[in-house]
């Protein structure tokens, strides 16, 4: 028979061995859980930011495509026919951009020294087009019409940090060379007329890209437009 004293000692050892976690062990487990949670939350936040950035970039690309469609269809705007349609980006309003109808000046022949093709038609002819391939804000009495179709506002803090293009003199950007970028489409061609403007100086561009950034400035996407009318979203150069 086992002595009672030995039984009590064995029972006591078993009770010690079956106790819960120590404070140190709990702190280690909590630290691991905290680290894993932080990694998951940060990763999810980065994924959501990237997803929203791409969605906004494609929205801009779609609005450029819409202007191309309207320009090809010669949709009547403010009772003016055969006008081109375009998109303007302005360095001073980075969180918005506009769609416009190129109806000023109303008389044809405003080819801007060859920068704006297709505007040298004879007035009254089927090929006669109004406009000058840039957006003219409503400033009466100089400009008697308003070319604005709609204003697009970028939500969630996204903004256009810069826009650049290729000219005969090489690469030019809004940070140093121009303040606005106009992309205009007109029938019957799908080609784009791309013009950078600073004050009264116009620069013809063969292509352009718009640099879109996230609110924290850490992520970016670019919308590319070529002279032949191609529009794409890709990583920025």
Protein backbone atom coordinates (compact mmCIF):
# COMPACT_ATOMS: atom_id res chain seq x y z
CA UNK A 1 0.00 0.00 0.00
CA UNK A 2 1.29 3.50 -0.96
CA UNK A 3 1.68 5.81 2.00
CA UNK A 4 -0.81 8.70 2.17
CA UNK A 5 2.02 11.25 2.33
CA UNK A 6 3.37 10.10 -1.05
CA UNK A 7 -0.09 10.27 -2.63
CA UNK A 8 -0.54 13.85 -1.48
CA UNK A 9 2.89 14.82 -2.87
CA UNK A 10 2.09 13.26 -6.26
CA UNK A 11 -1.26 15.05 -6.42
CA UNK A 12 0.47 18.33 -5.64
CA UNK A 13 2.99 17.83 -8.47
CA UNK A 14 0.19 17.08 -10.92
CA UNK A 15 -1.62 20.25 -9.91
CA UNK A 16 1.54 22.29 -10.57
CA UNK A 17 2.06 20.67 -13.96
CA UNK A 18 -1.51 21.37 -15.15
CA UNK A 19 -1.56 25.09 -14.30
CA UNK A 20 -2.25 27.71 -17.13
CA UNK A 21 0.20 29.94 -19.00
CA UNK A 22 2.58 32.15 -17.10
CA UNK A 23 2.48 35.94 -17.50
CA UNK A 24 5.58 35.87 -19.67
CA UNK A 25 4.05 33.29 -21.97
CA UNK A 26 0.85 35.33 -22.29
CA UNK A 27 2.85 38.46 -23.17
CA UNK A 28 4.77 36.57 -25.84
CA UNK A 29 1.55 35.23 -27.37
CA UNK A 30 -0.09 38.67 -27.31
CA UNK A 31 2.99 40.20 -28.93
CA UNK A 32 2.88 37.65 -31.73
CA UNK A 33 -0.84 38.24 -32.28
CA UNK A 34 -0.28 42.01 -32.34
CA UNK A 35 2.52 41.75 -34.89
CA UNK A 36 0.50 39.45 -37.14
CA UNK A 37 -2.55 41.71 -36.89
CA UNK A 38 -0.48 44.76 -37.77
CA UNK A 39 0.99 43.02 -40.81
CA UNK A 40 -2.45 41.93 -41.98
CA UNK A 41 -4.02 45.37 -41.49
CA UNK A 42 -1.11 47.13 -43.20
CA UNK A 43 -1.19 44.68 -46.09
CA UNK A 44 -4.94 45.07 -46.49
CA UNK A 45 -4.62 48.87 -46.40
CA UNK A 46 -1.90 48.80 -49.07
CA UNK A 47 -4.00 46.48 -51.24
CA UNK A 48 -7.09 48.70 -50.89
CA UNK A 49 -5.06 51.82 -51.70
CA UNK A 50 -3.60 50.19 -54.81
CA UNK A 51 -7.03 48.98 -55.90
CA UNK A 52 -8.63 52.41 -55.48
CA UNK A 53 -5.71 54.10 -57.25
CA UNK A 54 -6.06 51.80 -60.25
CA UNK A 55 -9.83 52.31 -60.29
CA UNK A 56 -9.39 56.10 -60.33
CA UNK A 57 -6.78 55.89 -63.09
CA UNK A 58 -9.12 53.81 -65.25
CA UNK A 59 -11.92 56.31 -64.59
CA UNK A 60 -9.73 59.08 -66.01
CA UNK A 61 -8.84 56.89 -68.99
CA UNK A 62 -12.53 56.19 -69.57
CA UNK A 63 -13.37 59.93 -69.56
CA UNK A 64 -10.68 60.49 -72.22
CA UNK A 65 -12.24 57.70 -74.26
CA UNK A 66 -15.63 59.33 -73.82
CA UNK A 67 -14.28 62.60 -75.25
CA UNK A 68 -12.91 60.63 -78.18
CA UNK A 69 -16.32 59.07 -78.82
CA UNK A 70 -18.09 62.44 -78.62
CA UNK A 71 -15.54 64.02 -80.95
CA UNK A 72 -15.98 61.29 -83.55
CA UNK A 73 -19.76 61.57 -83.38
CA UNK A 74 -19.67 65.40 -83.70
CA UNK A 75 -22.28 65.73 -81.01
CA UNK A 76 -24.03 69.10 -81.09
CA UNK A 77 -23.12 71.32 -78.15
CA UNK A 78 -24.72 74.72 -77.47
CA UNK A 79 -26.30 74.55 -80.97
CA UNK A 80 -22.82 74.29 -82.55
CA UNK A 81 -22.21 71.37 -84.89
CA UNK A 82 -19.06 69.54 -86.01
CA UNK A 83 -17.06 70.50 -82.91
CA UNK A 84 -14.31 68.47 -81.32
CA UNK A 85 -14.37 67.31 -77.71
CA UNK A 86 -11.50 67.24 -75.26
CA UNK A 87 -10.18 66.87 -71.75
CA UNK A 88 -8.16 69.53 -69.92
CA UNK A 89 -5.82 69.00 -66.96
CA UNK A 90 -4.70 72.05 -65.02
CA UNK A 91 -1.68 72.11 -62.71
CA UNK A 92 -3.49 74.56 -60.42
CA UNK A 93 -6.47 72.24 -59.87
CA UNK A 94 -4.82 68.84 -59.28
CA UNK A 95 -7.91 67.22 -57.76
CA UNK A 96 -10.17 67.82 -60.77
CA UNK A 97 -10.22 68.03 -64.56
CA UNK A 98 -12.79 69.01 -67.16
CA UNK A 99 -14.42 67.81 -70.35
CA UNK A 100 -15.10 70.51 -72.92
CA UNK A 101 -16.49 71.03 -76.40
CA UNK A 102 -14.13 72.93 -78.69
CA UNK A 103 -16.59 75.49 -80.10
CA UNK A 104 -14.61 78.75 -79.75
CA UNK A 105 -13.85 80.58 -81.97
CA UNK A 106 -16.95 79.75 -83.96
CA UNK A 107 -15.46 80.54 -87.40
CA UNK A 108 -13.16 78.00 -89.08
CA UNK A 109 -9.52 78.66 -89.89
CA UNK A 110 -8.06 78.57 -86.37
CA UNK A 111 -5.37 76.01 -87.06
CA UNK A 112 -2.98 77.61 -84.53
CA UNK A 113 -0.17 77.60 -87.04
CA UNK A 114 -0.70 73.94 -87.87
CA UNK A 115 -0.92 72.76 -84.25
CA UNK A 116 -4.68 72.36 -84.50
CA UNK A 117 -5.36 70.46 -87.76
CA UNK A 118 -8.67 70.31 -89.53
CA UNK A 119 -9.73 73.88 -88.74
CA UNK A 120 -8.97 75.52 -92.06
CA UNK A 121 -12.21 74.58 -93.78
CA UNK A 122 -14.33 77.12 -95.59
CA UNK A 123 -17.19 78.49 -93.50
CA UNK A 124 -20.42 76.71 -94.32
CA UNK A 125 -18.74 73.67 -95.85
CA UNK A 126 -19.26 70.19 -94.34
CA UNK A 127 -15.62 70.10 -93.22
CA UNK A 128 -15.66 73.50 -91.52
CA UNK A 129 -14.93 73.15 -87.82
CA UNK A 130 -15.05 75.63 -84.98
CA UNK A 131 -12.51 75.71 -82.17
CA UNK A 132 -8.77 75.99 -81.63
CA UNK A 133 -7.92 72.66 -79.91
CA UNK A 134 -7.66 74.18 -76.43
CA UNK A 135 -10.15 74.94 -73.68
CA UNK A 136 -11.26 78.58 -73.52
CA UNK A 137 -12.87 79.45 -70.17
CA UNK A 138 -15.92 81.67 -70.15
CA UNK A 139 -14.59 85.23 -69.94
CA UNK A 140 -17.11 87.67 -71.47
CA UNK A 141 -17.01 89.70 -73.56
CA UNK A 142 -13.85 88.17 -75.09
CA UNK A 143 -15.32 84.68 -75.13
CA UNK A 144 -19.06 84.67 -75.65
CA UNK A 145 -19.64 80.94 -75.20
CA UNK A 146 -18.92 78.46 -72.45
CA UNK A 147 -17.10 75.34 -73.67
CA UNK A 148 -17.42 73.49 -70.36
CA UNK A 149 -19.32 70.20 -70.60
CA UNK A 150 -18.62 68.80 -67.13
CA UNK A 151 -16.11 68.86 -64.30
CA UNK A 152 -14.69 65.64 -62.90
CA UNK A 153 -13.62 65.66 -59.24
CA UNK A 154 -11.15 63.09 -57.90
CA UNK A 155 -12.37 61.60 -54.62
CA UNK A 156 -10.62 59.96 -51.65
CA UNK A 157 -7.72 62.40 -51.79
CA UNK A 158 -6.25 61.24 -55.12
CA UNK A 159 -4.64 63.96 -57.21
CA UNK A 160 -2.75 64.61 -60.45
CA UNK A 161 0.83 65.38 -59.43
CA UNK A 162 2.10 66.16 -62.95
CA UNK A 163 1.50 65.65 -66.65
CA UNK A 164 4.20 65.29 -69.28
CA UNK A 165 4.54 64.84 -73.02
CA UNK A 166 6.98 64.51 -75.88
CA UNK A 167 7.56 67.59 -78.03
CA UNK A 168 9.95 68.30 -80.91
CA UNK A 169 12.39 69.56 -78.27
CA UNK A 170 12.09 66.45 -76.11
CA UNK A 171 10.26 65.64 -72.88
CA UNK A 172 8.30 68.47 -71.25
CA UNK A 173 6.32 68.46 -67.98
CA UNK A 174 3.85 70.63 -66.11
CA UNK A 175 6.34 71.20 -63.31
CA UNK A 176 8.61 73.26 -65.58
CA UNK A 177 7.19 73.77 -69.07
CA UNK A 178 3.40 74.21 -69.10
CA UNK A 179 0.41 74.73 -66.83
CA UNK A 180 -2.37 72.97 -68.77
CA UNK A 181 -2.73 69.92 -70.97
CA UNK A 182 -5.48 69.68 -73.60
CA UNK A 183 -6.35 66.41 -75.36
CA UNK A 184 -8.84 66.95 -78.19
CA UNK A 185 -10.57 64.59 -80.60
CA UNK A 186 -12.51 65.48 -83.75
CA UNK A 187 -14.00 63.55 -86.62
CA UNK A 188 -13.25 61.77 -88.86
CA UNK A 189 -9.95 60.68 -87.27
CA UNK A 190 -9.43 58.84 -83.98
CA UNK A 191 -6.14 60.73 -83.57
CA UNK A 192 -5.65 63.03 -80.61
CA UNK A 193 -4.47 66.61 -80.70
CA UNK A 194 -2.31 67.04 -77.58
CA UNK A 195 -1.25 70.54 -76.56
CA UNK A 196 0.62 71.83 -73.53
CA UNK A 197 0.07 75.50 -72.73
CA UNK A 198 1.79 78.09 -70.57
CA UNK A 199 0.47 81.67 -70.82
CA UNK A 200 0.11 82.18 -74.59
CA UNK A 201 2.75 79.62 -75.58
CA UNK A 202 1.39 76.40 -77.08
CA UNK A 203 3.48 73.24 -77.38
CA UNK A 204 2.38 70.43 -79.68
CA UNK A 205 2.96 66.98 -78.16
CA UNK A 206 3.11 63.60 -79.87
CA UNK A 207 2.08 61.79 -76.68
CA UNK A 208 1.40 62.51 -73.03
CA UNK A 209 0.91 60.87 -69.67
CA UNK A 210 -0.93 62.01 -66.56
CA UNK A 211 0.66 61.05 -63.23
CA UNK A 212 -1.99 60.13 -60.63
CA UNK A 213 -0.96 59.78 -56.97
CA UNK A 214 -2.52 58.37 -53.80
CA UNK A 215 -3.29 60.75 -50.89
CA UNK A 216 -0.08 59.82 -49.06
CA UNK A 217 2.00 60.25 -52.21
CA UNK A 218 3.46 56.74 -51.90
CA UNK A 219 1.69 55.08 -54.84
CA UNK A 220 1.09 56.27 -58.39
CA UNK A 221 -0.34 55.22 -61.75
CA UNK A 222 -0.06 56.91 -65.12
CA UNK A 223 -2.61 57.35 -67.89
CA UNK A 224 -0.91 57.34 -71.29
CA UNK A 225 -2.35 58.96 -74.44
CA UNK A 226 -0.70 58.80 -77.86
CA UNK A 227 -1.22 60.94 -80.93
CA UNK A 228 -2.92 58.04 -82.71
CA UNK A 229 -5.59 57.94 -80.01
CA UNK A 230 -4.43 55.06 -77.84
CA UNK A 231 -5.28 55.36 -74.14
CA UNK A 232 -3.76 53.07 -71.51
CA UNK A 233 -3.09 52.81 -67.76
CA UNK A 234 0.29 51.55 -66.66
CA UNK A 235 3.18 52.04 -64.26
CA UNK A 236 4.72 55.50 -64.40
CA UNK A 237 8.11 56.05 -66.08
